[in-house]
Amino acid sequence: MAKTILAIGGHIGDAELTSGGVLAANAADGGESFTLALTAGERGNPAGVTCEEYRKQKIAEAEGFASLMNGRAYVLDYPDGELPDDENVRYEVANIIREIRPDVITTHWRSTMHKDHDRTHRIVCDAQFLASVVENDALKGARHYAPVYFAENWEDDPDFSPYIYVDITRGYELWCEGLRLHWFVMNSRDFAYYDYYTSLARMRGCLGKTMYAEAFSVFDRNRKIKKEML
């Protein structure tokens, strides 16, 4: 079923890598898939390219990816590594939620390894509340609620426990096409992003009894399965 999905990451590339298969599968179904990066992630700049130049390049890469997903890329104007943990950024995210009105939101799990990821986790959870409950002059448009699911990221805490496996097989090739637009995904000397996440999708597919899948977690309070009978 076609949905409107908003995937939120601390940097350009986070949402694309961890939730991109779901975004692509949703686009294949005729849905709209959006990304929001709270920073551009420009401090991973290649040799000979300034952070300012790489920020522009990364925004273009995000826009190219989102266009394949039948959506749009949003990038906030915060420096990589300096994402604030304040109310202003929470209201910015809440207003984008109200603008897009997604059926589903995905974002980071907790992270002790990466400050921007950990702050994004908290910011998105608070922004979800603001968008769905609060009425004041800082918020535009009607209230809107969407559930938040936490994506699997190698830089986030190892207590991530998969709860939902989403079949992304129908969107896998489109997702791979979009990933190849990102320079760092294909060229990083620090981590083999493309190999890791495409292999992870195959492994999760095996566990989910399909070809390719992405796994998501929820807070413990949401781990409820209701069945009429065993």
C-alpha atoms as a PDB file:
ATOM      1  CA  MET A   1       0.000   0.000   0.000  1.00  0.00           C
ATOM      2  CA  ALA A   2       1.400   3.403  -1.009  1.00  0.00           C
ATOM      3  CA  LYS A   3       2.313   5.603   1.935  1.00  0.00           C
ATOM      4  CA  THR A   4       3.996   8.895   2.716  1.00  0.00           C
ATOM      5  CA  ILE A   5       7.236   8.136   4.557  1.00  0.00           C
ATOM      6  CA  LEU A   6       9.708  10.545   6.159  1.00  0.00           C
ATOM      7  CA  ALA A   7      13.186   9.186   6.949  1.00  0.00           C
ATOM      8  CA  ILE A   8      15.252  11.444   9.227  1.00  0.00           C
ATOM      9  CA  GLY A   9      19.014  11.203   9.704  1.00  0.00           C
ATOM     10  CA  GLY A  10      21.728  13.149  11.459  1.00  0.00           C
ATOM     11  CA  HIS A  11      23.587  13.551   8.158  1.00  0.00           C
ATOM     12  CA  ILE A  12      22.875  13.186   4.471  1.00  0.00           C
ATOM     13  CA  GLY A  13      23.267   9.489   3.765  1.00  0.00           C
ATOM     14  CA  ASP A  14      22.101   8.128   7.128  1.00  0.00           C
ATOM     15  CA  ALA A  15      18.448   7.814   6.187  1.00  0.00           C
ATOM     16  CA  GLU A  16      19.311   6.738   2.645  1.00  0.00           C
ATOM     17  CA  LEU A  17      21.458   3.849   3.887  1.00  0.00           C
ATOM     18  CA  THR A  18      19.285   2.626   6.755  1.00  0.00           C
ATOM     19  CA  SER A  19      15.741   3.264   5.490  1.00  0.00           C
ATOM     20  CA  GLY A  20      16.356   3.701   1.776  1.00  0.00           C
ATOM     21  CA  GLY A  21      15.111   0.254   0.842  1.00  0.00           C
ATOM     22  CA  VAL A  22      11.763   0.994   2.475  1.00  0.00           C
ATOM     23  CA  LEU A  23      11.643   4.382   0.749  1.00  0.00           C
ATOM     24  CA  ALA A  24      12.336   2.720  -2.602  1.00  0.00           C
ATOM     25  CA  ALA A  25       9.779  -0.045  -2.079  1.00  0.00           C
ATOM     26  CA  ASN A  26       7.214   2.581  -1.123  1.00  0.00           C
ATOM     27  CA  ALA A  27       8.052   4.596  -4.256  1.00  0.00           C
ATOM     28  CA  ALA A  28       7.628   1.440  -6.332  1.00  0.00           C
ATOM     29  CA  ASP A  29       4.150   1.130  -4.829  1.00  0.00           C
ATOM     30  CA  GLY A  30       3.334   4.697  -5.895  1.00  0.00           C
ATOM     31  CA  GLY A  31       3.985   6.295  -2.510  1.00  0.00           C
ATOM     32  CA  GLU A  32       5.956   9.412  -1.633  1.00  0.00           C
ATOM     33  CA  SER A  33       9.251   9.014   0.226  1.00  0.00           C
ATOM     34  CA  PHE A  34      11.029  11.992   1.813  1.00  0.00           C
ATOM     35  CA  THR A  35      14.388  12.412   3.542  1.00  0.00           C
ATOM     36  CA  LEU A  36      15.393  14.955   6.167  1.00  0.00           C
ATOM     37  CA  ALA A  37      19.036  15.416   7.213  1.00  0.00           C
ATOM     38  CA  LEU A  38      19.656  17.569  10.280  1.00  0.00           C
ATOM     39  CA  THR A  39      23.184  18.286   9.028  1.00  0.00           C
ATOM     40  CA  ALA A  40      24.743  17.703   5.624  1.00  0.00           C
ATOM     41  CA  GLY A  41      27.614  15.579   6.936  1.00  0.00           C
ATOM     42  CA  GLU A  42      30.077  17.784   5.100  1.00  0.00           C
ATOM     43  CA  ARG A  43      33.059  17.040   7.343  1.00  0.00           C
ATOM     44  CA  GLY A  44      33.615  13.762   5.546  1.00  0.00           C
ATOM     45  CA  ASN A  45      34.870  15.817   2.609  1.00  0.00           C
ATOM     46  CA  PRO A  46      37.186  14.172   0.052  1.00  0.00           C
ATOM     47  CA  ALA A  47      40.785  15.332  -0.324  1.00  0.00           C
ATOM     48  CA  GLY A  48      40.951  18.575  -2.293  1.00  0.00           C
ATOM     49  CA  VAL A  49      37.294  19.452  -1.636  1.00  0.00           C
ATOM     50  CA  THR A  50      36.379  22.009   1.020  1.00  0.00           C
ATOM     51  CA  CYS A  51      33.619  21.381   3.535  1.00  0.00           C
ATOM     52  CA  GLU A  52      31.554  24.118   1.899  1.00  0.00           C
ATOM     53  CA  GLU A  53      31.975  22.535  -1.542  1.00  0.00           C
ATOM     54  CA  TYR A  54      31.197  19.082  -0.209  1.00  0.00           C
ATOM     55  CA  ARG A  55      28.072  20.352   1.542  1.00  0.00           C
ATOM     56  CA  LYS A  56      26.751  21.533  -1.826  1.00  0.00           C
ATOM     57  CA  GLN A  57      27.707  18.213  -3.394  1.00  0.00           C
ATOM     58  CA  LYS A  58      25.987  16.246  -0.654  1.00  0.00           C
ATOM     59  CA  ILE A  59      22.788  18.279  -0.937  1.00  0.00           C
ATOM     60  CA  ALA A  60      22.751  17.580  -4.682  1.00  0.00           C
ATOM     61  CA  GLU A  61      23.259  13.872  -3.944  1.00  0.00           C
ATOM     62  CA  ALA A  62      20.387  13.908  -1.440  1.00  0.00           C
ATOM     63  CA  GLU A  63      18.132  15.634  -3.953  1.00  0.00           C
ATOM     64  CA  GLY A  64      19.035  13.083  -6.610  1.00  0.00           C
ATOM     65  CA  PHE A  65      18.238  10.213  -4.271  1.00  0.00           C
ATOM     66  CA  ALA A  66      14.923  11.723  -3.170  1.00  0.00           C
ATOM     67  CA  SER A  67      13.838  12.370  -6.751  1.00  0.00           C
ATOM     68  CA  LEU A  68      14.189   8.641  -7.450  1.00  0.00           C
ATOM     69  CA  MET A  69      12.000   7.967  -4.410  1.00  0.00           C
ATOM     70  CA  ASN A  70       9.148  10.176  -5.619  1.00  0.00           C
ATOM     71  CA  GLY A  71       9.874  12.671  -2.864  1.00  0.00           C
ATOM     72  CA  ARG A  72      12.035  15.560  -1.765  1.00  0.00           C
ATOM     73  CA  ALA A  73      15.176  16.001   0.326  1.00  0.00           C
ATOM     74  CA  TYR A  74      15.181  18.434   3.251  1.00  0.00           C
ATOM     75  CA  VAL A  75      18.494  19.525   4.802  1.00  0.00           C
ATOM     76  CA  LEU A  76      18.712  21.754   7.859  1.00  0.00           C
ATOM     77  CA  ASP A  77      21.395  24.437   8.121  1.00  0.00           C
ATOM     78  CA  TYR A  78      23.465  23.052  11.001  1.00  0.00           C
ATOM     79  CA  PRO A  79      27.189  22.218  10.751  1.00  0.00           C
ATOM     80  CA  ASP A  80      28.224  18.574  10.752  1.00  0.00           C
ATOM     81  CA  GLY A  81      29.191  17.567  14.302  1.00  0.00           C
ATOM     82  CA  GLU A  82      27.531  20.641  15.841  1.00  0.00           C
ATOM     83  CA  LEU A  83      23.855  19.718  15.819  1.00  0.00           C
ATOM     84  CA  PRO A  84      22.279  21.593  18.746  1.00  0.00           C
ATOM     85  CA  ASP A  85      20.119  19.820  21.295  1.00  0.00           C
ATOM     86  CA  ASP A  86      17.592  22.623  21.712  1.00  0.00           C
ATOM     87  CA  GLU A  87      13.968  23.569  21.178  1.00  0.00           C
ATOM     88  CA  ASN A  88      14.606  25.465  17.922  1.00  0.00           C
ATOM     89  CA  VAL A  89      15.665  22.377  15.993  1.00  0.00           C
ATOM     90  CA  ARG A  90      12.789  20.388  17.499  1.00  0.00           C
ATOM     91  CA  TYR A  91      10.317  22.944  16.186  1.00  0.00           C
ATOM     92  CA  GLU A  92      11.993  22.917  12.758  1.00  0.00           C
ATOM     93  CA  VAL A  93      11.550  19.168  12.543  1.00  0.00           C
ATOM     94  CA  ALA A  94       7.990  19.338  13.890  1.00  0.00           C
ATOM     95  CA  ASN A  95       7.054  21.876  11.219  1.00  0.00           C
ATOM     96  CA  ILE A  96       8.454  19.630   8.486  1.00  0.00           C
ATOM     97  CA  ILE A  97       6.417  16.736   9.907  1.00  0.00           C
ATOM     98  CA  ARG A  98       3.297  18.903   9.740  1.00  0.00           C
ATOM     99  CA  GLU A  99       4.162  19.978   6.199  1.00  0.00           C
ATOM    100  CA  ILE A 100       4.765  16.463   4.846  1.00  0.00           C
ATOM    101  CA  ARG A 101       2.151  14.735   7.044  1.00  0.00           C
ATOM    102  CA  PRO A 102       3.821  11.321   6.826  1.00  0.00           C
ATOM    103  CA  ASP A 103       2.180   8.019   7.654  1.00  0.00           C
ATOM    104  CA  VAL A 104       5.493   6.754   9.047  1.00  0.00           C
ATOM    105  CA  ILE A 105       8.709   8.331  10.386  1.00  0.00           C
ATOM    106  CA  THR A 106      12.043   6.518  10.644  1.00  0.00           C
ATOM    107  CA  THR A 107      15.155   7.751  12.430  1.00  0.00           C
ATOM    108  CA  HIS A 108      18.200   6.753  14.500  1.00  0.00           C
ATOM    109  CA  TRP A 109      18.318   4.457  17.479  1.00  0.00           C
ATOM    110  CA  ARG A 110      20.331   5.726  20.453  1.00  0.00           C
ATOM    111  CA  SER A 111      24.072   6.196  19.903  1.00  0.00           C
ATOM    112  CA  THR A 112      27.000   6.572  22.272  1.00  0.00           C
ATOM    113  CA  MET A 113      29.363   6.503  19.279  1.00  0.00           C
ATOM    114  CA  HIS A 114      27.995   9.469  17.352  1.00  0.00           C
ATOM    115  CA  LYS A 115      26.709  12.645  19.014  1.00  0.00           C
ATOM    116  CA  ASP A 116      24.696  13.819  15.989  1.00  0.00           C
ATOM    117  CA  HIS A 117      22.929  10.463  15.763  1.00  0.00           C
ATOM    118  CA  ASP A 118      22.068  10.432  19.449  1.00  0.00           C
ATOM    119  CA  ARG A 119      20.767  13.989  19.364  1.00  0.00           C
ATOM    120  CA  THR A 120      18.736  13.219  16.240  1.00  0.00           C
ATOM    121  CA  HIS A 121      17.097  10.328  18.098  1.00  0.00           C
ATOM    122  CA  ARG A 122      15.960  12.620  20.896  1.00  0.00           C
ATOM    123  CA  ILE A 123      15.056  15.520  18.611  1.00  0.00           C
ATOM    124  CA  VAL A 124      12.809  13.409  16.397  1.00  0.00           C
ATOM    125  CA  CYS A 125      10.995  11.808  19.327  1.00  0.00           C
ATOM    126  CA  ASP A 126      10.309  15.233  20.828  1.00  0.00           C
ATOM    127  CA  ALA A 127       9.355  16.707  17.438  1.00  0.00           C
ATOM    128  CA  GLN A 128       6.848  13.898  16.938  1.00  0.00           C
ATOM    129  CA  PHE A 129       5.181  14.976  20.187  1.00  0.00           C
ATOM    130  CA  LEU A 130       5.226  18.670  19.255  1.00  0.00           C
ATOM    131  CA  ALA A 131       3.791  18.023  15.796  1.00  0.00           C
ATOM    132  CA  SER A 132       0.959  15.896  17.140  1.00  0.00           C
ATOM    133  CA  VAL A 133      -0.009  17.709  20.340  1.00  0.00           C
ATOM    134  CA  VAL A 134       1.229  21.272  20.700  1.00  0.00           C
ATOM    135  CA  GLU A 135      -0.464  24.400  19.375  1.00  0.00           C
ATOM    136  CA  ASN A 136       1.531  27.643  19.493  1.00  0.00           C
ATOM    137  CA  ASP A 137       2.934  30.379  17.254  1.00  0.00           C
ATOM    138  CA  ALA A 138       6.111  28.388  16.527  1.00  0.00           C
ATOM    139  CA  LEU A 139       4.164  25.621  14.788  1.00  0.00           C
ATOM    140  CA  LYS A 140       2.439  25.926  11.440  1.00  0.00           C
ATOM    141  CA  GLY A 141      -0.448  23.942  10.052  1.00  0.00           C
ATOM    142  CA  ALA A 142      -2.688  21.352  11.629  1.00  0.00           C
ATOM    143  CA  ARG A 143      -1.491  18.852  14.191  1.00  0.00           C
ATOM    144  CA  HIS A 144      -0.273  15.567  12.784  1.00  0.00           C
ATOM    145  CA  TYR A 145       0.779  12.260  14.333  1.00  0.00           C
ATOM    146  CA  ALA A 146       2.957   9.564  12.782  1.00  0.00           C
ATOM    147  CA  PRO A 147       4.609   6.600  14.518  1.00  0.00           C
ATOM    148  CA  VAL A 148       8.414   6.577  14.753  1.00  0.00           C
ATOM    149  CA  TYR A 149      10.479   3.485  13.937  1.00  0.00           C
ATOM    150  CA  PHE A 150      14.218   3.200  14.560  1.00  0.00           C
ATOM    151  CA  ALA A 151      16.474   2.087  11.722  1.00  0.00           C
ATOM    152  CA  GLU A 152      19.537  -0.156  11.918  1.00  0.00           C
ATOM    153  CA  ASN A 153      22.781   1.809  11.720  1.00  0.00           C
ATOM    154  CA  TRP A 154      26.252   0.393  12.423  1.00  0.00           C
ATOM    155  CA  GLU A 155      27.195   3.580  14.314  1.00  0.00           C
ATOM    156  CA  ASP A 156      24.276   3.325  16.738  1.00  0.00           C
ATOM    157  CA  ASP A 157      24.205   1.385  20.005  1.00  0.00           C
ATOM    158  CA  PRO A 158      24.510  -2.410  20.009  1.00  0.00           C
ATOM    159  CA  ASP A 159      21.365  -2.748  22.132  1.00  0.00           C
ATOM    160  CA  PHE A 160      19.375  -2.147  18.917  1.00  0.00           C
ATOM    161  CA  SER A 161      16.998  -5.106  18.729  1.00  0.00           C
ATOM    162  CA  PRO A 162      15.155  -5.718  15.424  1.00  0.00           C
ATOM    163  CA  TYR A 163      11.402  -5.910  15.923  1.00  0.00           C
ATOM    164  CA  ILE A 164       9.974  -5.335  12.449  1.00  0.00           C
ATOM    165  CA  TYR A 165      11.340  -6.750   9.196  1.00  0.00           C
ATOM    166  CA  VAL A 166      10.152  -4.919   6.073  1.00  0.00           C
ATOM    167  CA  ASP A 167      10.390  -6.656   2.699  1.00  0.00           C
ATOM    168  CA  ILE A 168      12.202  -4.246   0.351  1.00  0.00           C
ATOM    169  CA  THR A 169      12.789  -6.687  -2.511  1.00  0.00           C
ATOM    170  CA  ARG A 170      10.605  -4.801  -4.993  1.00  0.00           C
ATOM    171  CA  GLY A 171      12.578  -1.594  -4.321  1.00  0.00           C
ATOM    172  CA  TYR A 172      16.051  -3.076  -3.898  1.00  0.00           C
ATOM    173  CA  GLU A 173      17.481  -2.170  -7.319  1.00  0.00           C
ATOM    174  CA  LEU A 174      16.079   1.367  -7.120  1.00  0.00           C
ATOM    175  CA  TRP A 175      17.601   1.752  -3.661  1.00  0.00           C
ATOM    176  CA  CYS A 176      20.988   0.588  -4.948  1.00  0.00           C
ATOM    177  CA  GLU A 177      20.749   3.060  -7.829  1.00  0.00           C
ATOM    178  CA  GLY A 178      20.105   5.855  -5.347  1.00  0.00           C
ATOM    179  CA  LEU A 179      22.973   4.818  -3.061  1.00  0.00           C
ATOM    180  CA  ARG A 180      25.406   4.971  -5.947  1.00  0.00           C
ATOM    181  CA  LEU A 181      24.704   8.712  -6.215  1.00  0.00           C
ATOM    182  CA  HIS A 182      26.418   9.286  -2.860  1.00  0.00           C
ATOM    183  CA  TRP A 183      30.181   9.740  -3.115  1.00  0.00           C
ATOM    184  CA  PHE A 184      30.980   8.579   0.412  1.00  0.00           C
ATOM    185  CA  VAL A 185      28.846   5.450   0.089  1.00  0.00           C
ATOM    186  CA  MET A 186      30.914   4.269  -2.866  1.00  0.00           C
ATOM    187  CA  ASN A 187      34.327   5.786  -2.086  1.00  0.00           C
ATOM    188  CA  SER A 188      34.876   5.999   1.666  1.00  0.00           C
ATOM    189  CA  ARG A 189      38.199   4.568   2.813  1.00  0.00           C
ATOM    190  CA  ASP A 190      36.957   4.355   6.400  1.00  0.00           C
ATOM    191  CA  PHE A 191      33.989   2.035   5.930  1.00  0.00           C
ATOM    192  CA  ALA A 192      32.525  -0.034   3.074  1.00  0.00           C
ATOM    193  CA  TYR A 193      29.043   1.489   3.315  1.00  0.00           C
ATOM    194  CA  TYR A 194      27.576   0.080   0.117  1.00  0.00           C
ATOM    195  CA  ASP A 195      28.789  -3.456   0.770  1.00  0.00           C
ATOM    196  CA  TYR A 196      27.739  -3.392   4.411  1.00  0.00           C
ATOM    197  CA  TYR A 197      24.186  -2.131   3.963  1.00  0.00           C
ATOM    198  CA  THR A 198      23.359  -4.154   0.858  1.00  0.00           C
ATOM    199  CA  SER A 199      24.733  -7.269   2.587  1.00  0.00           C
ATOM    200  CA  LEU A 200      22.756  -6.403   5.719  1.00  0.00           C
ATOM    201  CA  ALA A 201      19.607  -6.175   3.596  1.00  0.00           C
ATOM    202  CA  ARG A 202      20.259  -9.676   2.259  1.00  0.00           C
ATOM    203  CA  MET A 203      20.904 -11.037   5.758  1.00  0.00           C
ATOM    204  CA  ARG A 204      17.732  -9.449   7.132  1.00  0.00           C
ATOM    205  CA  GLY A 205      15.917 -10.836   4.110  1.00  0.00           C
ATOM    206  CA  CYS A 206      17.077 -14.329   5.042  1.00  0.00           C
ATOM    207  CA  LEU A 207      15.787 -13.884   8.592  1.00  0.00           C
ATOM    208  CA  GLY A 208      12.561 -12.345   7.307  1.00  0.00           C
ATOM    209  CA  LYS A 209      12.109 -15.142   4.749  1.00  0.00           C
ATOM    210  CA  THR A 210      12.305 -12.868   1.736  1.00  0.00           C
ATOM    211  CA  MET A 211      15.092 -11.775  -0.611  1.00  0.00           C
ATOM    212  CA  TYR A 212      15.888  -8.359   0.911  1.00  0.00           C
ATOM    213  CA  ALA A 213      14.627  -6.633   4.053  1.00  0.00           C
ATOM    214  CA  GLU A 214      15.369  -3.759   6.411  1.00  0.00           C
ATOM    215  CA  ALA A 215      14.928  -4.106  10.157  1.00  0.00           C
ATOM    216  CA  PHE A 216      13.476  -1.538  12.544  1.00  0.00           C
ATOM    217  CA  SER A 217      13.060  -1.318  16.285  1.00  0.00           C
ATOM    218  CA  VAL A 218      10.577   0.364  18.619  1.00  0.00           C
ATOM    219  CA  PHE A 219      10.643   1.373  22.270  1.00  0.00           C
ATOM    220  CA  ASP A 220       9.963  -1.469  24.685  1.00  0.00           C
ATOM    221  CA  ARG A 221       6.621   0.081  25.584  1.00  0.00           C
ATOM    222  CA  ASN A 222       5.500  -0.455  21.983  1.00  0.00           C
ATOM    223  CA  ARG A 223       6.536  -4.122  21.791  1.00  0.00           C
ATOM    224  CA  LYS A 224       3.042  -5.540  21.885  1.00  0.00           C
ATOM    225  CA  ILE A 225       1.785  -8.275  19.594  1.00  0.00           C
ATOM    226  CA  LYS A 226      -1.919  -9.020  19.690  1.00  0.00           C
ATOM    227  CA  LYS A 227      -3.290 -12.282  18.366  1.00  0.00           C
ATOM    228  CA  GLU A 228      -6.775 -13.698  18.540  1.00  0.00           C
ATOM    229  CA  MET A 229      -5.351 -17.131  19.345  1.00  0.00           C
ATOM    230  CA  LEU A 230      -2.004 -18.913  19.444  1.00  0.00           C
END
